[in-house]
PDB file of N, CA and C in Angstrom:
ATOM      1  N   UNK A   1      48.260  34.609  42.148  1.00  0.00           N
ATOM      2  CA  UNK A   1      49.752  34.215  42.062  1.00  0.00           C
ATOM      3  C   UNK A   1      50.143  33.401  40.639  1.00  0.00           C
ATOM      4  N   UNK A   2      51.067  33.297  40.114  1.00  0.00           N
ATOM      5  CA  UNK A   2      51.801  32.771  39.084  1.00  0.00           C
ATOM      6  C   UNK A   2      52.181  31.420  39.272  1.00  0.00           C
ATOM      7  N   UNK A   3      51.705  30.136  39.013  1.00  0.00           N
ATOM      8  CA  UNK A   3      52.286  28.632  39.629  1.00  0.00           C
ATOM      9  C   UNK A   3      53.796  28.429  38.608  1.00  0.00           C
ATOM     10  N   UNK A   4      54.363  27.699  39.398  1.00  0.00           N
ATOM     11  CA  UNK A   4      55.888  27.286  38.744  1.00  0.00           C
ATOM     12  C   UNK A   4      55.512  27.203  37.006  1.00  0.00           C
ATOM     13  N   UNK A   5      54.190  26.378  36.641  1.00  0.00           N
ATOM     14  CA  UNK A   5      53.591  26.391  35.045  1.00  0.00           C
ATOM     15  C   UNK A   5      53.607  27.764  34.534  1.00  0.00           C
ATOM     16  N   UNK A   6      53.742  28.584  34.861  1.00  0.00           N
ATOM     17  CA  UNK A   6      53.378  30.389  34.341  1.00  0.00           C
ATOM     18  C   UNK A   6      51.838  30.951  33.971  1.00  0.00           C
ATOM     19  N   UNK A   7      50.594  29.779  34.860  1.00  0.00           N
ATOM     20  CA  UNK A   7      49.857  30.588  34.805  1.00  0.00           C
ATOM     21  C   UNK A   7      49.500  31.321  36.072  1.00  0.00           C
ATOM     22  N   UNK A   8      48.432  31.698  35.950  1.00  0.00           N
ATOM     23  CA  UNK A   8      48.036  32.614  37.558  1.00  0.00           C
ATOM     24  C   UNK A   8      46.938  31.929  37.998  1.00  0.00           C
ATOM     25  N   UNK A   9      46.732  31.232  39.628  1.00  0.00           N
ATOM     26  CA  UNK A   9      45.801  30.993  40.309  1.00  0.00           C
ATOM     27  C   UNK A   9      45.709  31.097  41.138  1.00  0.00           C
ATOM     28  N   UNK A  10      44.829  31.206  41.942  1.00  0.00           N
ATOM     29  CA  UNK A  10      44.629  32.010  43.324  1.00  0.00           C
ATOM     30  C   UNK A  10      44.819  31.154  44.330  1.00  0.00           C
ATOM     31  N   UNK A  11      44.890  30.051  44.635  1.00  0.00           N
ATOM     32  CA  UNK A  11      44.752  28.620  45.289  1.00  0.00           C
ATOM     33  C   UNK A  11      46.611  28.361  45.323  1.00  0.00           C
ATOM     34  N   UNK A  12      47.460  29.011  44.438  1.00  0.00           N
ATOM     35  CA  UNK A  12      48.851  28.853  44.551  1.00  0.00           C
ATOM     36  C   UNK A  12      49.372  29.886  45.534  1.00  0.00           C
ATOM     37  N   UNK A  13      50.018  29.712  46.099  1.00  0.00           N
ATOM     38  CA  UNK A  13      51.068  30.826  47.256  1.00  0.00           C
ATOM     39  C   UNK A  13      52.694  30.081  47.049  1.00  0.00           C
ATOM     40  N   UNK A  14      53.397  31.118  47.041  1.00  0.00           N
ATOM     41  CA  UNK A  14      54.988  31.044  47.150  1.00  0.00           C
ATOM     42  C   UNK A  14      55.347  31.940  47.990  1.00  0.00           C
ATOM     43  N   UNK A  15      56.513  32.239  48.746  1.00  0.00           N
ATOM     44  CA  UNK A  15      57.264  32.785  49.674  1.00  0.00           C
ATOM     45  C   UNK A  15      59.021  32.671  49.434  1.00  0.00           C
ATOM     46  N   UNK A  16      59.215  33.438  48.535  1.00  0.00           N
ATOM     47  CA  UNK A  16      61.371  33.374  48.598  1.00  0.00           C
ATOM     48  C   UNK A  16      61.399  34.588  49.492  1.00  0.00           C
ATOM     49  N   UNK A  17      60.956  35.242  49.985  1.00  0.00           N
ATOM     50  CA  UNK A  17      61.534  37.100  50.631  1.00  0.00           C
ATOM     51  C   UNK A  17      62.478  36.052  51.626  1.00  0.00           C
ATOM     52  N   UNK A  18      63.415  36.994  51.690  1.00  0.00           N
ATOM     53  CA  UNK A  18      64.493  36.833  52.854  1.00  0.00           C
ATOM     54  C   UNK A  18      64.708  35.544  53.452  1.00  0.00           C
ATOM     55  N   UNK A  19      64.939  35.027  52.310  1.00  0.00           N
ATOM     56  CA  UNK A  19      65.760  33.553  52.192  1.00  0.00           C
ATOM     57  C   UNK A  19      64.857  32.337  52.636  1.00  0.00           C
ATOM     58  N   UNK A  20      63.459  32.834  52.202  1.00  0.00           N
ATOM     59  CA  UNK A  20      62.221  31.649  52.459  1.00  0.00           C
ATOM     60  C   UNK A  20      62.124  30.618  51.024  1.00  0.00           C
ATOM     61  N   UNK A  21      62.312  29.606  52.030  1.00  0.00           N
ATOM     62  CA  UNK A  21      61.684  28.848  50.491  1.00  0.00           C
ATOM     63  C   UNK A  21      60.347  28.243  50.540  1.00  0.00           C
ATOM     64  N   UNK A  22      59.467  28.507  50.179  1.00  0.00           N
ATOM     65  CA  UNK A  22      57.880  28.309  50.539  1.00  0.00           C
ATOM     66  C   UNK A  22      57.262  27.953  49.234  1.00  0.00           C
ATOM     67  N   UNK A  23      56.833  27.124  48.960  1.00  0.00           N
ATOM     68  CA  UNK A  23      55.748  27.279  47.585  1.00  0.00           C
ATOM     69  C   UNK A  23      54.461  25.673  48.386  1.00  0.00           C
ATOM     70  N   UNK A  24      53.019  26.553  47.817  1.00  0.00           N
ATOM     71  CA  UNK A  24      52.158  25.731  48.607  1.00  0.00           C
ATOM     72  C   UNK A  24      51.197  25.966  47.448  1.00  0.00           C
ATOM     73  N   UNK A  25      50.358  24.557  47.812  1.00  0.00           N
ATOM     74  CA  UNK A  25      48.953  24.500  46.930  1.00  0.00           C
ATOM     75  C   UNK A  25      47.417  24.486  47.790  1.00  0.00           C
ATOM     76  N   UNK A  26      47.286  25.559  47.829  1.00  0.00           N
ATOM     77  CA  UNK A  26      45.847  25.852  48.736  1.00  0.00           C
ATOM     78  C   UNK A  26      44.847  24.961  48.626  1.00  0.00           C
ATOM     79  N   UNK A  27      44.665  24.139  47.588  1.00  0.00           N
ATOM     80  CA  UNK A  27      43.650  23.656  46.968  1.00  0.00           C
ATOM     81  C   UNK A  27      43.061  22.706  47.915  1.00  0.00           C
ATOM     82  N   UNK A  28      41.991  22.407  48.278  1.00  0.00           N
ATOM     83  CA  UNK A  28      41.658  21.365  49.712  1.00  0.00           C
ATOM     84  C   UNK A  28      42.264  19.990  48.683  1.00  0.00           C
ATOM     85  N   UNK A  29      42.905  19.093  49.453  1.00  0.00           N
ATOM     86  CA  UNK A  29      43.065  17.795  48.671  1.00  0.00           C
ATOM     87  C   UNK A  29      42.246  16.653  49.128  1.00  0.00           C
ATOM     88  N   UNK A  30      42.076  15.826  48.423  1.00  0.00           N
ATOM     89  CA  UNK A  30      41.393  14.275  48.894  1.00  0.00           C
ATOM     90  C   UNK A  30      42.265  13.764  49.644  1.00  0.00           C
ATOM     91  N   UNK A  31      41.422  12.878  50.649  1.00  0.00           N
ATOM     92  CA  UNK A  31      42.065  12.269  51.936  1.00  0.00           C
ATOM     93  C   UNK A  31      43.483  11.423  51.383  1.00  0.00           C
ATOM     94  N   UNK A  32      43.046  10.982  50.581  1.00  0.00           N
ATOM     95  CA  UNK A  32      43.804   9.796  49.859  1.00  0.00           C
ATOM     96  C   UNK A  32      44.943  10.564  48.700  1.00  0.00           C
ATOM     97  N   UNK A  33      45.109  11.416  48.406  1.00  0.00           N
ATOM     98  CA  UNK A  33      45.757  12.215  47.227  1.00  0.00           C
ATOM     99  C   UNK A  33      47.341  12.914  48.297  1.00  0.00           C
ATOM    100  N   UNK A  34      47.952  11.934  46.985  1.00  0.00           N
ATOM    101  CA  UNK A  34      49.623  12.086  46.827  1.00  0.00           C
ATOM    102  C   UNK A  34      49.741  13.881  47.384  1.00  0.00           C
ATOM    103  N   UNK A  35      51.162  13.427  47.683  1.00  0.00           N
ATOM    104  CA  UNK A  35      51.630  14.803  48.435  1.00  0.00           C
ATOM    105  C   UNK A  35      51.703  15.955  47.110  1.00  0.00           C
ATOM    106  N   UNK A  36      51.512  17.086  47.363  1.00  0.00           N
ATOM    107  CA  UNK A  36      51.424  18.026  46.398  1.00  0.00           C
ATOM    108  C   UNK A  36      53.143  18.387  45.757  1.00  0.00           C
ATOM    109  N   UNK A  37      53.343  18.541  44.648  1.00  0.00           N
ATOM    110  CA  UNK A  37      54.803  18.721  44.193  1.00  0.00           C
ATOM    111  C   UNK A  37      54.321  19.894  43.249  1.00  0.00           C
ATOM    112  N   UNK A  38      55.874  21.304  43.238  1.00  0.00           N
ATOM    113  CA  UNK A  38      55.385  22.198  42.488  1.00  0.00           C
ATOM    114  C   UNK A  38      55.469  21.761  40.912  1.00  0.00           C
ATOM    115  N   UNK A  39      55.617  20.538  40.228  1.00  0.00           N
ATOM    116  CA  UNK A  39      55.663  20.234  39.061  1.00  0.00           C
ATOM    117  C   UNK A  39      53.938  19.603  38.819  1.00  0.00           C
ATOM    118  N   UNK A  40      53.571  19.600  39.447  1.00  0.00           N
ATOM    119  CA  UNK A  40      51.978  19.400  39.328  1.00  0.00           C
ATOM    120  C   UNK A  40      50.959  20.534  39.046  1.00  0.00           C
ATOM    121  N   UNK A  41      52.256  21.685  38.699  1.00  0.00           N
ATOM    122  CA  UNK A  41      50.969  22.761  38.602  1.00  0.00           C
ATOM    123  C   UNK A  41      50.654  22.507  37.018  1.00  0.00           C
ATOM    124  N   UNK A  42      52.016  21.986  36.441  1.00  0.00           N
ATOM    125  CA  UNK A  42      51.751  21.883  34.947  1.00  0.00           C
ATOM    126  C   UNK A  42      50.573  20.850  34.187  1.00  0.00           C
ATOM    127  N   UNK A  43      50.288  20.409  34.942  1.00  0.00           N
ATOM    128  CA  UNK A  43      48.631  19.026  35.043  1.00  0.00           C
ATOM    129  C   UNK A  43      47.334  19.548  35.397  1.00  0.00           C
ATOM    130  N   UNK A  44      48.166  20.559  36.270  1.00  0.00           N
ATOM    131  CA  UNK A  44      46.374  21.009  36.869  1.00  0.00           C
ATOM    132  C   UNK A  44      45.423  21.894  36.283  1.00  0.00           C
ATOM    133  N   UNK A  45      43.987  21.434  36.272  1.00  0.00           N
ATOM    134  CA  UNK A  45      43.122  21.824  35.360  1.00  0.00           C
ATOM    135  C   UNK A  45      42.235  23.034  36.382  1.00  0.00           C
ATOM    136  N   UNK A  46      43.185  23.496  37.926  1.00  0.00           N
ATOM    137  CA  UNK A  46      42.105  24.141  39.008  1.00  0.00           C
ATOM    138  C   UNK A  46      42.221  25.668  37.938  1.00  0.00           C
ATOM    139  N   UNK A  47      43.657  26.096  37.559  1.00  0.00           N
ATOM    140  CA  UNK A  47      43.307  27.187  36.845  1.00  0.00           C
ATOM    141  C   UNK A  47      42.439  27.967  35.907  1.00  0.00           C
ATOM    142  N   UNK A  48      42.678  26.690  35.151  1.00  0.00           N
ATOM    143  CA  UNK A  48      41.245  26.919  34.009  1.00  0.00           C
ATOM    144  C   UNK A  48      39.934  26.994  34.443  1.00  0.00           C
ATOM    145  N   UNK A  49      40.003  26.393  35.339  1.00  0.00           N
ATOM    146  CA  UNK A  49      38.202  26.504  35.672  1.00  0.00           C
ATOM    147  C   UNK A  49      38.091  27.409  36.572  1.00  0.00           C
ATOM    148  N   UNK A  50      38.979  28.346  37.642  1.00  0.00           N
ATOM    149  CA  UNK A  50      38.876  29.183  38.263  1.00  0.00           C
ATOM    150  C   UNK A  50      38.719  30.838  37.222  1.00  0.00           C
ATOM    151  N   UNK A  51      39.541  30.367  36.216  1.00  0.00           N
ATOM    152  CA  UNK A  51      39.244  31.308  34.960  1.00  0.00           C
ATOM    153  C   UNK A  51      37.796  31.480  34.261  1.00  0.00           C
ATOM    154  N   UNK A  52      37.304  30.059  33.718  1.00  0.00           N
ATOM    155  CA  UNK A  52      36.052  30.064  33.490  1.00  0.00           C
ATOM    156  C   UNK A  52      34.582  30.279  34.253  1.00  0.00           C
ATOM    157  N   UNK A  53      34.955  29.441  35.550  1.00  0.00           N
ATOM    158  CA  UNK A  53      34.069  29.801  36.410  1.00  0.00           C
ATOM    159  C   UNK A  53      34.161  30.806  37.821  1.00  0.00           C
ATOM    160  N   UNK A  54      33.581  31.820  38.069  1.00  0.00           N
ATOM    161  CA  UNK A  54      33.643  32.254  38.814  1.00  0.00           C
ATOM    162  C   UNK A  54      32.742  32.546  39.900  1.00  0.00           C
ATOM    163  N   UNK A  55      32.143  31.392  40.541  1.00  0.00           N
ATOM    164  CA  UNK A  55      31.035  31.226  41.115  1.00  0.00           C
ATOM    165  C   UNK A  55      30.989  31.207  42.405  1.00  0.00           C
ATOM    166  N   UNK A  56      30.931  31.812  43.665  1.00  0.00           N
ATOM    167  CA  UNK A  56      31.267  31.769  44.926  1.00  0.00           C
ATOM    168  C   UNK A  56      31.007  30.298  45.333  1.00  0.00           C
ATOM    169  N   UNK A  57      30.223  29.572  45.287  1.00  0.00           N
ATOM    170  CA  UNK A  57      29.404  28.403  45.561  1.00  0.00           C
ATOM    171  C   UNK A  57      30.038  27.088  45.557  1.00  0.00           C
ATOM    172  N   UNK A  58      31.352  27.544  43.939  1.00  0.00           N
ATOM    173  CA  UNK A  58      31.717  26.263  43.970  1.00  0.00           C
ATOM    174  C   UNK A  58      33.238  26.213  44.408  1.00  0.00           C
ATOM    175  N   UNK A  59      33.158  24.501  45.000  1.00  0.00           N
ATOM    176  CA  UNK A  59      34.348  24.066  45.650  1.00  0.00           C
ATOM    177  C   UNK A  59      34.938  22.953  45.019  1.00  0.00           C
ATOM    178  N   UNK A  60      36.290  23.060  44.863  1.00  0.00           N
ATOM    179  CA  UNK A  60      37.205  22.020  44.355  1.00  0.00           C
ATOM    180  C   UNK A  60      38.044  21.306  45.046  1.00  0.00           C
ATOM    181  N   UNK A  61      38.138  19.756  44.701  1.00  0.00           N
ATOM    182  CA  UNK A  61      39.091  19.149  45.410  1.00  0.00           C
ATOM    183  C   UNK A  61      39.961  18.581  44.936  1.00  0.00           C
ATOM    184  N   UNK A  62      41.288  18.708  45.201  1.00  0.00           N
ATOM    185  CA  UNK A  62      42.196  18.285  44.121  1.00  0.00           C
ATOM    186  C   UNK A  62      43.056  16.646  44.426  1.00  0.00           C
ATOM    187  N   UNK A  63      42.738  15.668  43.997  1.00  0.00           N
ATOM    188  CA  UNK A  63      43.366  14.625  43.560  1.00  0.00           C
ATOM    189  C   UNK A  63      44.335  14.249  42.944  1.00  0.00           C
ATOM    190  N   UNK A  64      45.391  13.811  43.282  1.00  0.00           N
ATOM    191  CA  UNK A  64      46.809  13.311  42.855  1.00  0.00           C
ATOM    192  C   UNK A  64      47.264  11.975  43.023  1.00  0.00           C
ATOM    193  N   UNK A  65      46.991  11.456  41.891  1.00  0.00           N
ATOM    194  CA  UNK A  65      47.705  10.016  41.913  1.00  0.00           C
ATOM    195  C   UNK A  65      48.912   9.986  41.266  1.00  0.00           C
ATOM    196  N   UNK A  66      49.881   8.968  42.620  1.00  0.00           N
ATOM    197  CA  UNK A  66      50.991   8.729  41.665  1.00  0.00           C
ATOM    198  C   UNK A  66      50.813   7.437  40.105  1.00  0.00           C
ATOM    199  N   UNK A  67      51.844   7.619  39.291  1.00  0.00           N
ATOM    200  CA  UNK A  67      51.342   6.711  38.507  1.00  0.00           C
ATOM    201  C   UNK A  67      51.890   5.238  38.853  1.00  0.00           C
ATOM    202  N   UNK A  68      51.872   4.474  37.689  1.00  0.00           N
ATOM    203  CA  UNK A  68      52.347   2.936  38.233  1.00  0.00           C
ATOM    204  C   UNK A  68      53.724   2.963  38.621  1.00  0.00           C
ATOM    205  N   UNK A  69      54.171   2.045  39.716  1.00  0.00           N
ATOM    206  CA  UNK A  69      55.467   2.262  40.368  1.00  0.00           C
ATOM    207  C   UNK A  69      56.313   3.345  40.352  1.00  0.00           C
ATOM    208  N   UNK A  70      55.105   4.612  40.967  1.00  0.00           N
ATOM    209  CA  UNK A  70      55.843   6.021  41.360  1.00  0.00           C
ATOM    210  C   UNK A  70      56.151   6.391  39.883  1.00  0.00           C
ATOM    211  N   UNK A  71      55.845   5.941  38.774  1.00  0.00           N
ATOM    212  CA  UNK A  71      56.342   6.835  37.514  1.00  0.00           C
ATOM    213  C   UNK A  71      55.338   7.894  37.062  1.00  0.00           C
ATOM    214  N   UNK A  72      55.539   9.218  37.066  1.00  0.00           N
ATOM    215  CA  UNK A  72      54.745   9.702  36.394  1.00  0.00           C
ATOM    216  C   UNK A  72      53.285  10.114  37.818  1.00  0.00           C
ATOM    217  N   UNK A  73      52.332  11.219  36.987  1.00  0.00           N
ATOM    218  CA  UNK A  73      51.728  11.705  37.984  1.00  0.00           C
ATOM    219  C   UNK A  73      49.875  12.341  37.471  1.00  0.00           C
ATOM    220  N   UNK A  74      49.024  12.199  37.984  1.00  0.00           N
ATOM    221  CA  UNK A  74      47.797  12.267  37.907  1.00  0.00           C
ATOM    222  C   UNK A  74      46.874  13.690  38.515  1.00  0.00           C
ATOM    223  N   UNK A  75      46.924  14.680  38.073  1.00  0.00           N
ATOM    224  CA  UNK A  75      46.410  15.271  38.775  1.00  0.00           C
ATOM    225  C   UNK A  75      44.625  15.817  38.294  1.00  0.00           C
ATOM    226  N   UNK A  76      43.971  15.454  39.205  1.00  0.00           N
ATOM    227  CA  UNK A  76      42.181  15.580  38.693  1.00  0.00           C
ATOM    228  C   UNK A  76      41.802  16.458  39.651  1.00  0.00           C
ATOM    229  N   UNK A  77      40.368  16.718  39.608  1.00  0.00           N
ATOM    230  CA  UNK A  77      39.605  17.867  39.996  1.00  0.00           C
ATOM    231  C   UNK A  77      37.937  16.958  40.502  1.00  0.00           C
ATOM    232  N   UNK A  78      37.876  17.213  41.876  1.00  0.00           N
ATOM    233  CA  UNK A  78      36.234  16.926  41.798  1.00  0.00           C
ATOM    234  C   UNK A  78      35.394  18.029  42.144  1.00  0.00           C
ATOM    235  N   UNK A  79      34.390  18.853  41.320  1.00  0.00           N
ATOM    236  CA  UNK A  79      33.756  20.074  42.008  1.00  0.00           C
ATOM    237  C   UNK A  79      32.199  19.549  42.718  1.00  0.00           C
ATOM    238  N   UNK A  80      31.920  20.445  43.221  1.00  0.00           N
ATOM    239  CA  UNK A  80      31.106  20.646  44.280  1.00  0.00           C
ATOM    240  C   UNK A  80      30.082  22.124  44.465  1.00  0.00           C
ATOM    241  N   UNK A  81      28.762  21.910  44.130  1.00  0.00           N
ATOM    242  CA  UNK A  81      28.579  23.230  44.594  1.00  0.00           C
ATOM    243  C   UNK A  81      27.872  23.140  46.103  1.00  0.00           C
ATOM    244  N   UNK A  82      28.232  23.932  46.808  1.00  0.00           N
ATOM    245  CA  UNK A  82      27.705  24.585  47.876  1.00  0.00           C
ATOM    246  C   UNK A  82      26.584  24.717  48.265  1.00  0.00           C
ATOM    247  N   UNK A  83      25.288  24.794  47.418  1.00  0.00           N
ATOM    248  CA  UNK A  83      24.305  24.995  47.367  1.00  0.00           C
ATOM    249  C   UNK A  83      23.353  23.503  46.700  1.00  0.00           C
ATOM    250  N   UNK A  84      23.507  22.997  45.787  1.00  0.00           N
ATOM    251  CA  UNK A  84      23.006  21.819  45.018  1.00  0.00           C
ATOM    252  C   UNK A  84      23.683  20.772  45.337  1.00  0.00           C
ATOM    253  N   UNK A  85      25.025  20.599  45.663  1.00  0.00           N
ATOM    254  CA  UNK A  85      25.754  18.891  45.576  1.00  0.00           C
ATOM    255  C   UNK A  85      26.696  19.046  44.270  1.00  0.00           C
ATOM    256  N   UNK A  86      26.966  17.534  43.879  1.00  0.00           N
ATOM    257  CA  UNK A  86      28.367  17.779  43.348  1.00  0.00           C
ATOM    258  C   UNK A  86      27.810  18.279  41.926  1.00  0.00           C
ATOM    259  N   UNK A  87      28.845  18.599  41.074  1.00  0.00           N
ATOM    260  CA  UNK A  87      28.768  18.949  39.695  1.00  0.00           C
ATOM    261  C   UNK A  87      28.863  17.875  38.977  1.00  0.00           C
ATOM    262  N   UNK A  88      28.215  17.990  38.327  1.00  0.00           N
ATOM    263  CA  UNK A  88      27.927  16.691  36.854  1.00  0.00           C
ATOM    264  C   UNK A  88      28.163  17.673  35.563  1.00  0.00           C
ATOM    265  N   UNK A  89      29.315  17.009  34.987  1.00  0.00           N
ATOM    266  CA  UNK A  89      29.739  17.249  33.375  1.00  0.00           C
ATOM    267  C   UNK A  89      31.131  18.281  33.999  1.00  0.00           C
ATOM    268  N   UNK A  90      31.314  19.256  33.394  1.00  0.00           N
ATOM    269  CA  UNK A  90      32.235  20.479  33.440  1.00  0.00           C
ATOM    270  C   UNK A  90      32.570  21.053  34.035  1.00  0.00           C
ATOM    271  N   UNK A  91      33.380  21.308  35.121  1.00  0.00           N
ATOM    272  CA  UNK A  91      33.629  22.187  36.038  1.00  0.00           C
ATOM    273  C   UNK A  91      33.681  23.525  35.780  1.00  0.00           C
ATOM    274  N   UNK A  92      34.009  23.748  34.255  1.00  0.00           N
ATOM    275  CA  UNK A  92      33.528  25.254  33.828  1.00  0.00           C
ATOM    276  C   UNK A  92      32.958  25.898  33.539  1.00  0.00           C
ATOM    277  N   UNK A  93      31.772  24.826  33.538  1.00  0.00           N
ATOM    278  CA  UNK A  93      30.572  25.678  33.118  1.00  0.00           C
ATOM    279  C   UNK A  93      29.508  25.731  34.664  1.00  0.00           C
ATOM    280  N   UNK A  94      29.836  25.158  35.537  1.00  0.00           N
ATOM    281  CA  UNK A  94      29.560  25.010  36.918  1.00  0.00           C
ATOM    282  C   UNK A  94      28.397  24.242  37.117  1.00  0.00           C
ATOM    283  N   UNK A  95      27.636  24.519  38.276  1.00  0.00           N
ATOM    284  CA  UNK A  95      26.154  23.974  38.606  1.00  0.00           C
ATOM    285  C   UNK A  95      24.632  24.461  37.569  1.00  0.00           C
ATOM    286  N   UNK A  96      24.381  23.335  37.044  1.00  0.00           N
ATOM    287  CA  UNK A  96      23.266  23.318  35.960  1.00  0.00           C
ATOM    288  C   UNK A  96      22.196  24.479  36.865  1.00  0.00           C
ATOM    289  N   UNK A  97      22.071  23.841  38.304  1.00  0.00           N
ATOM    290  CA  UNK A  97      20.982  24.841  38.807  1.00  0.00           C
ATOM    291  C   UNK A  97      21.116  26.010  39.436  1.00  0.00           C
ATOM    292  N   UNK A  98      22.298  26.435  39.752  1.00  0.00           N
ATOM    293  CA  UNK A  98      23.033  27.908  39.603  1.00  0.00           C
ATOM    294  C   UNK A  98      23.252  28.823  38.354  1.00  0.00           C
ATOM    295  N   UNK A  99      23.312  27.964  37.331  1.00  0.00           N
ATOM    296  CA  UNK A  99      22.793  28.605  36.044  1.00  0.00           C
ATOM    297  C   UNK A  99      21.416  29.213  35.809  1.00  0.00           C
ATOM    298  N   UNK A 100      20.752  28.088  36.184  1.00  0.00           N
ATOM    299  CA  UNK A 100      19.328  28.337  35.660  1.00  0.00           C
ATOM    300  C   UNK A 100      18.524  29.529  36.726  1.00  0.00           C
ATOM    301  N   UNK A 101      19.121  29.409  37.523  1.00  0.00           N
ATOM    302  CA  UNK A 101      18.952  30.557  38.782  1.00  0.00           C
ATOM    303  C   UNK A 101      19.402  31.809  38.279  1.00  0.00           C
ATOM    304  N   UNK A 102      20.404  31.850  37.806  1.00  0.00           N
ATOM    305  CA  UNK A 102      20.883  33.078  37.254  1.00  0.00           C
ATOM    306  C   UNK A 102      20.316  33.426  35.886  1.00  0.00           C
ATOM    307  N   UNK A 103      20.389  32.649  34.881  1.00  0.00           N
ATOM    308  CA  UNK A 103      19.262  32.889  33.712  1.00  0.00           C
ATOM    309  C   UNK A 103      17.852  33.882  34.002  1.00  0.00           C
ATOM    310  N   UNK A 104      17.006  32.869  35.028  1.00  0.00           N
ATOM    311  CA  UNK A 104      16.128  33.405  35.811  1.00  0.00           C
ATOM    312  C   UNK A 104      16.018  34.824  36.207  1.00  0.00           C
ATOM    313  N   UNK A 105      17.374  34.985  37.121  1.00  0.00           N
ATOM    314  CA  UNK A 105      17.458  36.190  37.819  1.00  0.00           C
ATOM    315  C   UNK A 105      17.817  37.689  36.638  1.00  0.00           C
ATOM    316  N   UNK A 106      18.066  37.262  35.230  1.00  0.00           N
ATOM    317  CA  UNK A 106      18.681  38.082  34.261  1.00  0.00           C
ATOM    318  C   UNK A 106      17.504  38.348  33.454  1.00  0.00           C
ATOM    319  N   UNK A 107      16.536  37.234  33.278  1.00  0.00           N
ATOM    320  CA  UNK A 107      15.493  37.549  32.483  1.00  0.00           C
ATOM    321  C   UNK A 107      14.506  38.638  33.303  1.00  0.00           C
ATOM    322  N   UNK A 108      14.404  38.386  34.298  1.00  0.00           N
ATOM    323  CA  UNK A 108      13.622  39.254  35.266  1.00  0.00           C
ATOM    324  C   UNK A 108      14.155  40.828  35.422  1.00  0.00           C
ATOM    325  N   UNK A 109      15.020  41.134  35.179  1.00  0.00           N
ATOM    326  CA  UNK A 109      16.181  42.225  35.401  1.00  0.00           C
ATOM    327  C   UNK A 109      15.755  43.133  33.518  1.00  0.00           C
ATOM    328  N   UNK A 110      15.446  42.289  32.812  1.00  0.00           N
ATOM    329  CA  UNK A 110      15.343  42.701  31.621  1.00  0.00           C
ATOM    330  C   UNK A 110      14.250  42.828  31.141  1.00  0.00           C
ATOM    331  N   UNK A 111      13.280  42.536  32.026  1.00  0.00           N
ATOM    332  CA  UNK A 111      11.690  42.743  31.665  1.00  0.00           C
ATOM    333  C   UNK A 111      11.218  44.184  31.863  1.00  0.00           C
TER     334      UNK A 111
END
C-alpha cells in the first residue's frame, strides 16, 4: 500500500472506506518505541529495506524516538535473521550467512 510519504510499503495499512479513518504501521515495534504517527513514514527506512531485500527470514523491528523536549522524531530499524540471528551492517544487504548459502546453491545449479 502507498504510505502517506508516497512510497510503497507492505507493512502500512489504511482504510478510509465508508467513513472509516484508519491508518497503521504493522511493523513490529520495540517495546520502548513511541507511538507511531503517519508523519513517521517520511523518515522510515523500512520501504527501502523491503524493496532491496526480499528474504523471507528477515524480521524488522521499528524504533521510534521523540527528540529533545518532544521536538522532532527519529525512526530507526533493527534487523534480525530468523535463521542466523542479528544482522550486522546494512539490513538492505541482508544476512551474510544466508547470502553465502544462496551463492553456494547458485554455484551448484550452474555446474
